[in-house]
Amino acid sequence: MALMFPCPQCGSRPFTEFWCGGELPDGGHGAAGDIEADYARVWLKRNVCGDQPERWFHHAGCRRWISLTRHTVTNLIHDVV
């Protein structure tokens, strides 16, 4: 079974309709325009074992960003915003 993301606009959709925007730092999105922090967030992944806050872009649907928490071992998705 494919990994399904609960899009707030389009409903449950397969993960192939989304592009990963990277892990979210602890405490939110970080400061806007901080290029070094953005680079680290997208390319220098922490890869924690457990719950990981992430951003995903629904490119094949509503074209909106969603924030969610995904368990990196079980792929269980919760806390979708």
PDB file of N, CA and C in Angstrom:
ATOM      1  N   MET A   1       0.835  -1.179   0.000  1.00  0.00           N
ATOM      2  CA  MET A   1       0.000   0.000   0.000  1.00  0.00           C
ATOM      3  C   MET A   1       0.880   1.243   0.000  1.00  0.00           C
ATOM      4  N   ALA A   2       0.518   2.203  -0.784  1.00  0.00           N
ATOM      5  CA  ALA A   2       1.289   3.439  -0.897  1.00  0.00           C
ATOM      6  C   ALA A   2       1.068   4.335   0.317  1.00  0.00           C
ATOM      7  N   LEU A   3       2.044   5.143   0.603  1.00  0.00           N
ATOM      8  CA  LEU A   3       1.934   6.127   1.674  1.00  0.00           C
ATOM      9  C   LEU A   3       0.948   7.205   1.241  1.00  0.00           C
ATOM     10  N   MET A   4      -0.051   7.471   2.075  1.00  0.00           N
ATOM     11  CA  MET A   4      -1.092   8.449   1.767  1.00  0.00           C
ATOM     12  C   MET A   4      -0.941   9.654   2.687  1.00  0.00           C
ATOM     13  N   PHE A   5      -1.008  10.859   2.111  1.00  0.00           N
ATOM     14  CA  PHE A   5      -0.943  12.098   2.887  1.00  0.00           C
ATOM     15  C   PHE A   5      -2.333  12.709   2.956  1.00  0.00           C
ATOM     16  N   PRO A   6      -2.763  13.148   4.135  1.00  0.00           N
ATOM     17  CA  PRO A   6      -4.067  13.795   4.271  1.00  0.00           C
ATOM     18  C   PRO A   6      -3.966  15.287   3.940  1.00  0.00           C
ATOM     19  N   CYS A   7      -4.252  15.651   2.712  1.00  0.00           N
ATOM     20  CA  CYS A   7      -4.222  17.058   2.301  1.00  0.00           C
ATOM     21  C   CYS A   7      -5.476  17.757   2.842  1.00  0.00           C
ATOM     22  N   PRO A   8      -5.324  18.894   3.538  1.00  0.00           N
ATOM     23  CA  PRO A   8      -6.497  19.591   4.059  1.00  0.00           C
ATOM     24  C   PRO A   8      -7.454  20.070   2.970  1.00  0.00           C
ATOM     25  N   GLN A   9      -6.972  20.306   1.750  1.00  0.00           N
ATOM     26  CA  GLN A   9      -7.808  20.792   0.657  1.00  0.00           C
ATOM     27  C   GLN A   9      -8.380  19.662  -0.200  1.00  0.00           C
ATOM     28  N   CYS A  10      -7.564  18.632  -0.482  1.00  0.00           N
ATOM     29  CA  CYS A  10      -7.933  17.606  -1.463  1.00  0.00           C
ATOM     30  C   CYS A  10      -8.305  16.259  -0.857  1.00  0.00           C
ATOM     31  N   GLY A  11      -8.114  16.088   0.433  1.00  0.00           N
ATOM     32  CA  GLY A  11      -8.370  14.797   1.061  1.00  0.00           C
ATOM     33  C   GLY A  11      -7.133  13.914   1.024  1.00  0.00           C
ATOM     34  N   SER A  12      -7.320  12.640   1.248  1.00  0.00           N
ATOM     35  CA  SER A  12      -6.214  11.690   1.286  1.00  0.00           C
ATOM     36  C   SER A  12      -5.691  11.452  -0.128  1.00  0.00           C
ATOM     37  N   ARG A  13      -4.389  11.687  -0.312  1.00  0.00           N
ATOM     38  CA  ARG A  13      -3.762  11.575  -1.637  1.00  0.00           C
ATOM     39  C   ARG A  13      -2.458  10.785  -1.522  1.00  0.00           C
ATOM     40  N   PRO A  14      -2.017  10.083  -2.598  1.00  0.00           N
ATOM     41  CA  PRO A  14      -0.755   9.341  -2.543  1.00  0.00           C
ATOM     42  C   PRO A  14       0.442  10.287  -2.443  1.00  0.00           C
ATOM     43  N   PHE A  15       1.485   9.820  -1.788  1.00  0.00           N
ATOM     44  CA  PHE A  15       2.671  10.650  -1.569  1.00  0.00           C
ATOM     45  C   PHE A  15       3.330  11.089  -2.869  1.00  0.00           C
ATOM     46  N   THR A  16       3.082  10.392  -3.965  1.00  0.00           N
ATOM     47  CA  THR A  16       3.698  10.753  -5.239  1.00  0.00           C
ATOM     48  C   THR A  16       3.180  12.087  -5.784  1.00  0.00           C
ATOM     49  N   GLU A  17       2.086  12.601  -5.218  1.00  0.00           N
ATOM     50  CA  GLU A  17       1.568  13.910  -5.624  1.00  0.00           C
ATOM     51  C   GLU A  17       2.251  15.057  -4.879  1.00  0.00           C
ATOM     52  N   PHE A  18       3.175  14.740  -3.969  1.00  0.00           N
ATOM     53  CA  PHE A  18       3.810  15.751  -3.122  1.00  0.00           C
ATOM     54  C   PHE A  18       5.315  15.794  -3.353  1.00  0.00           C
ATOM     55  N   TRP A  19       5.891  16.967  -3.150  1.00  0.00           N
ATOM     56  CA  TRP A  19       7.339  17.147  -3.127  1.00  0.00           C
ATOM     57  C   TRP A  19       7.737  17.495  -1.704  1.00  0.00           C
ATOM     58  N   CYS A  20       8.789  16.865  -1.221  1.00  0.00           N
ATOM     59  CA  CYS A  20       9.253  17.142   0.138  1.00  0.00           C
ATOM     60  C   CYS A  20       9.988  18.476   0.177  1.00  0.00           C
ATOM     61  N   GLY A  21       9.597  19.323   1.119  1.00  0.00           N
ATOM     62  CA  GLY A  21      10.239  20.625   1.301  1.00  0.00           C
ATOM     63  C   GLY A  21      11.244  20.628   2.425  1.00  0.00           C
ATOM     64  N   GLY A  22      11.483  19.486   3.027  1.00  0.00           N
ATOM     65  CA  GLY A  22      12.492  19.374   4.067  1.00  0.00           C
ATOM     66  C   GLY A  22      11.906  19.256   5.459  1.00  0.00           C
ATOM     67  N   GLU A  23      12.791  18.974   6.372  1.00  0.00           N
ATOM     68  CA  GLU A  23      12.423  18.871   7.777  1.00  0.00           C
ATOM     69  C   GLU A  23      12.210  20.259   8.350  1.00  0.00           C
ATOM     70  N   LEU A  24      11.288  20.369   9.283  1.00  0.00           N
ATOM     71  CA  LEU A  24      11.075  21.639   9.976  1.00  0.00           C
ATOM     72  C   LEU A  24      11.955  21.683  11.212  1.00  0.00           C
ATOM     73  N   PRO A  25      12.554  22.833  11.490  1.00  0.00           N
ATOM     74  CA  PRO A  25      13.358  22.943  12.703  1.00  0.00           C
ATOM     75  C   PRO A  25      12.462  22.889  13.931  1.00  0.00           C
ATOM     76  N   ASP A  26      13.037  22.563  15.058  1.00  0.00           N
ATOM     77  CA  ASP A  26      12.277  22.559  16.304  1.00  0.00           C
ATOM     78  C   ASP A  26      11.722  23.947  16.551  1.00  0.00           C
ATOM     79  N   GLY A  27      10.431  24.018  16.815  1.00  0.00           N
ATOM     80  CA  GLY A  27       9.803  25.296  17.134  1.00  0.00           C
ATOM     81  C   GLY A  27       9.241  26.043  15.946  1.00  0.00           C
ATOM     82  N   GLY A  28       9.163  25.440  14.755  1.00  0.00           N
ATOM     83  CA  GLY A  28       8.497  26.123  13.654  1.00  0.00           C
ATOM     84  C   GLY A  28       9.343  26.251  12.412  1.00  0.00           C
ATOM     85  N   HIS A  29       9.042  27.266  11.626  1.00  0.00           N
ATOM     86  CA  HIS A  29       9.638  27.427  10.311  1.00  0.00           C
ATOM     87  C   HIS A  29      10.970  28.148  10.318  1.00  0.00           C
ATOM     88  N   GLY A  30      11.336  28.827  11.387  1.00  0.00           N
ATOM     89  CA  GLY A  30      12.577  29.574  11.417  1.00  0.00           C
ATOM     90  C   GLY A  30      12.404  30.956  10.832  1.00  0.00           C
ATOM     91  N   ALA A  31      13.466  31.728  10.828  1.00  0.00           N
ATOM     92  CA  ALA A  31      13.422  33.107  10.343  1.00  0.00           C
ATOM     93  C   ALA A  31      13.360  33.133   8.819  1.00  0.00           C
ATOM     94  N   ALA A  32      12.503  33.984   8.291  1.00  0.00           N
ATOM     95  CA  ALA A  32      12.388  34.125   6.839  1.00  0.00           C
ATOM     96  C   ALA A  32      13.638  34.791   6.293  1.00  0.00           C
ATOM     97  N   GLY A  33      14.155  34.260   5.193  1.00  0.00           N
ATOM     98  CA  GLY A  33      15.298  34.878   4.545  1.00  0.00           C
ATOM     99  C   GLY A  33      16.644  34.454   5.093  1.00  0.00           C
ATOM    100  N   ASP A  34      16.690  33.538   6.049  1.00  0.00           N
ATOM    101  CA  ASP A  34      17.953  33.053   6.597  1.00  0.00           C
ATOM    102  C   ASP A  34      18.460  31.946   5.681  1.00  0.00           C
ATOM    103  N   ILE A  35      19.333  32.302   4.744  1.00  0.00           N
ATOM    104  CA  ILE A  35      19.761  31.382   3.697  1.00  0.00           C
ATOM    105  C   ILE A  35      20.511  30.182   4.270  1.00  0.00           C
ATOM    106  N   GLU A  36      21.383  30.391   5.242  1.00  0.00           N
ATOM    107  CA  GLU A  36      22.127  29.277   5.818  1.00  0.00           C
ATOM    108  C   GLU A  36      21.200  28.297   6.530  1.00  0.00           C
ATOM    109  N   ALA A  37      20.206  28.815   7.250  1.00  0.00           N
ATOM    110  CA  ALA A  37      19.254  27.937   7.936  1.00  0.00           C
ATOM    111  C   ALA A  37      18.402  27.181   6.926  1.00  0.00           C
ATOM    112  N   ASP A  38      17.995  27.840   5.834  1.00  0.00           N
ATOM    113  CA  ASP A  38      17.213  27.171   4.797  1.00  0.00           C
ATOM    114  C   ASP A  38      18.032  26.064   4.133  1.00  0.00           C
ATOM    115  N   TYR A  39      19.292  26.340   3.848  1.00  0.00           N
ATOM    116  CA  TYR A  39      20.172  25.334   3.245  1.00  0.00           C
ATOM    117  C   TYR A  39      20.304  24.118   4.165  1.00  0.00           C
ATOM    118  N   ALA A  40      20.562  24.368   5.441  1.00  0.00           N
ATOM    119  CA  ALA A  40      20.728  23.282   6.400  1.00  0.00           C
ATOM    120  C   ALA A  40      19.427  22.480   6.539  1.00  0.00           C
ATOM    121  N   ARG A  41      18.292  23.169   6.545  1.00  0.00           N
ATOM    122  CA  ARG A  41      17.004  22.491   6.709  1.00  0.00           C
ATOM    123  C   ARG A  41      16.717  21.550   5.542  1.00  0.00           C
ATOM    124  N   VAL A  42      17.034  21.977   4.324  1.00  0.00           N
ATOM    125  CA  VAL A  42      16.706  21.178   3.148  1.00  0.00           C
ATOM    126  C   VAL A  42      17.754  20.099   2.868  1.00  0.00           C
ATOM    127  N   TRP A  43      19.037  20.414   3.015  1.00  0.00           N
ATOM    128  CA  TRP A  43      20.083  19.498   2.571  1.00  0.00           C
ATOM    129  C   TRP A  43      20.796  18.742   3.679  1.00  0.00           C
ATOM    130  N   LEU A  44      20.846  19.258   4.894  1.00  0.00           N
ATOM    131  CA  LEU A  44      21.553  18.598   5.991  1.00  0.00           C
ATOM    132  C   LEU A  44      20.529  17.990   6.946  1.00  0.00           C
ATOM    133  N   LYS A  45      19.963  16.884   6.550  1.00  0.00           N
ATOM    134  CA  LYS A  45      18.867  16.276   7.299  1.00  0.00           C
ATOM    135  C   LYS A  45      19.373  15.592   8.568  1.00  0.00           C
ATOM    136  N   ARG A  46      18.556  15.700   9.643  1.00  0.00           N
ATOM    137  CA  ARG A  46      18.895  15.067  10.913  1.00  0.00           C
ATOM    138  C   ARG A  46      18.547  13.588  10.906  1.00  0.00           C
ATOM    139  N   ASN A  47      17.518  13.200  10.152  1.00  0.00           N
ATOM    140  CA  ASN A  47      17.067  11.804  10.040  1.00  0.00           C
ATOM    141  C   ASN A  47      16.866  11.156  11.399  1.00  0.00           C
ATOM    142  N   VAL A  48      16.048  11.769  12.217  1.00  0.00           N
ATOM    143  CA  VAL A  48      15.754  11.214  13.531  1.00  0.00           C
ATOM    144  C   VAL A  48      14.937   9.938  13.390  1.00  0.00           C
ATOM    145  N   CYS A  49      15.058   9.065  14.359  1.00  0.00           N
ATOM    146  CA  CYS A  49      14.238   7.862  14.401  1.00  0.00           C
ATOM    147  C   CYS A  49      13.050   8.177  15.299  1.00  0.00           C
ATOM    148  N   GLY A  50      11.899   8.387  14.687  1.00  0.00           N
ATOM    149  CA  GLY A  50      10.707   8.755  15.442  1.00  0.00           C
ATOM    150  C   GLY A  50       9.962   9.863  14.731  1.00  0.00           C
ATOM    151  N   ASP A  51       9.230  10.674  15.496  1.00  0.00           N
ATOM    152  CA  ASP A  51       8.433  11.750  14.916  1.00  0.00           C
ATOM    153  C   ASP A  51       9.303  12.864  14.358  1.00  0.00           C
ATOM    154  N   GLN A  52       9.022  13.246  13.108  1.00  0.00           N
ATOM    155  CA  GLN A  52       9.793  14.282  12.415  1.00  0.00           C
ATOM    156  C   GLN A  52       8.834  15.284  11.779  1.00  0.00           C
ATOM    157  N   PRO A  53       8.880  16.565  12.192  1.00  0.00           N
ATOM    158  CA  PRO A  53       8.061  17.574  11.515  1.00  0.00           C
ATOM    159  C   PRO A  53       8.637  17.889  10.133  1.00  0.00           C
ATOM    160  N   GLU A  54       7.769  17.938   9.114  1.00  0.00           N
ATOM    161  CA  GLU A  54       8.207  18.148   7.730  1.00  0.00           C
ATOM    162  C   GLU A  54       7.245  19.072   6.996  1.00  0.00           C
ATOM    163  N   ARG A  55       7.725  19.628   5.866  1.00  0.00           N
ATOM    164  CA  ARG A  55       6.895  20.420   4.949  1.00  0.00           C
ATOM    165  C   ARG A  55       6.823  19.670   3.633  1.00  0.00           C
ATOM    166  N   TRP A  56       5.618  19.660   3.023  1.00  0.00           N
ATOM    167  CA  TRP A  56       5.406  18.999   1.747  1.00  0.00           C
ATOM    168  C   TRP A  56       4.587  19.923   0.854  1.00  0.00           C
ATOM    169  N   PHE A  57       4.903  19.925  -0.446  1.00  0.00           N
ATOM    170  CA  PHE A  57       4.195  20.751  -1.426  1.00  0.00           C
ATOM    171  C   PHE A  57       3.333  19.845  -2.297  1.00  0.00           C
ATOM    172  N   HIS A  58       2.043  20.132  -2.371  1.00  0.00           N
ATOM    173  CA  HIS A  58       1.111  19.315  -3.155  1.00  0.00           C
ATOM    174  C   HIS A  58       1.114  19.802  -4.612  1.00  0.00           C
ATOM    175  N   HIS A  59       2.119  19.388  -5.352  1.00  0.00           N
ATOM    176  CA  HIS A  59       2.314  19.867  -6.731  1.00  0.00           C
ATOM    177  C   HIS A  59       1.262  19.336  -7.696  1.00  0.00           C
ATOM    178  N   ALA A  60       0.701  18.154  -7.449  1.00  0.00           N
ATOM    179  CA  ALA A  60      -0.262  17.565  -8.386  1.00  0.00           C
ATOM    180  C   ALA A  60      -1.709  17.764  -7.945  1.00  0.00           C
ATOM    181  N   GLY A  61      -1.910  18.649  -7.001  1.00  0.00           N
ATOM    182  CA  GLY A  61      -3.262  18.883  -6.507  1.00  0.00           C
ATOM    183  C   GLY A  61      -3.511  20.374  -6.321  1.00  0.00           C
ATOM    184  N   CYS A  62      -3.707  20.773  -5.074  1.00  0.00           N
ATOM    185  CA  CYS A  62      -4.093  22.158  -4.768  1.00  0.00           C
ATOM    186  C   CYS A  62      -2.923  23.138  -4.809  1.00  0.00           C
ATOM    187  N   ARG A  63      -1.689  22.640  -4.981  1.00  0.00           N
ATOM    188  CA  ARG A  63      -0.478  23.468  -5.071  1.00  0.00           C
ATOM    189  C   ARG A  63      -0.263  24.311  -3.807  1.00  0.00           C
ATOM    190  N   ARG A  64      -0.531  23.705  -2.662  1.00  0.00           N
ATOM    191  CA  ARG A  64      -0.316  24.365  -1.371  1.00  0.00           C
ATOM    192  C   ARG A  64       0.705  23.576  -0.562  1.00  0.00           C
ATOM    193  N   TRP A  65       1.361  24.279   0.351  1.00  0.00           N
ATOM    194  CA  TRP A  65       2.285  23.653   1.286  1.00  0.00           C
ATOM    195  C   TRP A  65       1.506  23.129   2.477  1.00  0.00           C
ATOM    196  N   ILE A  66       1.884  21.957   2.973  1.00  0.00           N
ATOM    197  CA  ILE A  66       1.323  21.459   4.220  1.00  0.00           C
ATOM    198  C   ILE A  66       2.472  21.107   5.160  1.00  0.00           C
ATOM    199  N   SER A  67       2.227  21.283   6.435  1.00  0.00           N
ATOM    200  CA  SER A  67       3.167  20.859   7.470  1.00  0.00           C
ATOM    201  C   SER A  67       2.552  19.654   8.155  1.00  0.00           C
ATOM    202  N   LEU A  68       3.375  18.654   8.421  1.00  0.00           N
ATOM    203  CA  LEU A  68       2.881  17.458   9.075  1.00  0.00           C
ATOM    204  C   LEU A  68       3.975  16.854   9.929  1.00  0.00           C
ATOM    205  N   THR A  69       3.599  15.939  10.781  1.00  0.00           N
ATOM    206  CA  THR A  69       4.560  15.173  11.563  1.00  0.00           C
ATOM    207  C   THR A  69       4.460  13.733  11.104  1.00  0.00           C
ATOM    208  N   ARG A  70       5.600  13.179  10.691  1.00  0.00           N
ATOM    209  CA  ARG A  70       5.644  11.808  10.171  1.00  0.00           C
ATOM    210  C   ARG A  70       6.606  10.991  11.026  1.00  0.00           C
ATOM    211  N   HIS A  71       6.170   9.794  11.422  1.00  0.00           N
ATOM    212  CA  HIS A  71       7.057   8.888  12.145  1.00  0.00           C
ATOM    213  C   HIS A  71       7.945   8.233  11.103  1.00  0.00           C
ATOM    214  N   THR A  72       9.256   8.383  11.225  1.00  0.00           N
ATOM    215  CA  THR A  72      10.181   7.960  10.175  1.00  0.00           C
ATOM    216  C   THR A  72      10.332   6.448  10.059  1.00  0.00           C
ATOM    217  N   VAL A  73       9.886   5.695  11.044  1.00  0.00           N
ATOM    218  CA  VAL A  73       9.975   4.234  10.972  1.00  0.00           C
ATOM    219  C   VAL A  73       8.689   3.637  10.422  1.00  0.00           C
ATOM    220  N   THR A  74       7.548   4.098  10.943  1.00  0.00           N
ATOM    221  CA  THR A  74       6.253   3.519  10.552  1.00  0.00           C
ATOM    222  C   THR A  74       5.537   4.319   9.459  1.00  0.00           C
ATOM    223  N   ASN A  75       6.008   5.531   9.158  1.00  0.00           N
ATOM    224  CA  ASN A  75       5.374   6.463   8.220  1.00  0.00           C
ATOM    225  C   ASN A  75       3.979   6.875   8.642  1.00  0.00           C
ATOM    226  N   LEU A  76       3.643   6.739   9.910  1.00  0.00           N
ATOM    227  CA  LEU A  76       2.371   7.205  10.429  1.00  0.00           C
ATOM    228  C   LEU A  76       2.361   8.737  10.424  1.00  0.00           C
ATOM    229  N   ILE A  77       1.320   9.327   9.826  1.00  0.00           N
ATOM    230  CA  ILE A  77       1.222  10.780   9.673  1.00  0.00           C
ATOM    231  C   ILE A  77       0.223  11.339  10.675  1.00  0.00           C
ATOM    232  N   HIS A  78       0.594  12.424  11.350  1.00  0.00           N
ATOM    233  CA  HIS A  78      -0.326  13.111  12.253  1.00  0.00           C
ATOM    234  C   HIS A  78       0.059  14.579  12.328  1.00  0.00           C
ATOM    235  N   ASP A  79      -0.762  15.355  12.977  1.00  0.00           N
ATOM    236  CA  ASP A  79      -0.553  16.811  13.150  1.00  0.00           C
ATOM    237  C   ASP A  79      -0.398  17.528  11.808  1.00  0.00           C
ATOM    238  N   VAL A  80      -1.344  17.334  10.907  1.00  0.00           N
ATOM    239  CA  VAL A  80      -1.307  17.988   9.596  1.00  0.00           C
ATOM    240  C   VAL A  80      -1.844  19.407   9.732  1.00  0.00           C
ATOM    241  N   VAL A  81      -1.096  20.379   9.178  1.00  0.00           N
ATOM    242  CA  VAL A  81      -1.515  21.782   9.186  1.00  0.00           C
ATOM    243  C   VAL A  81      -1.432  22.315   7.771  1.00  0.00           C
TER     244      VAL A  81
END
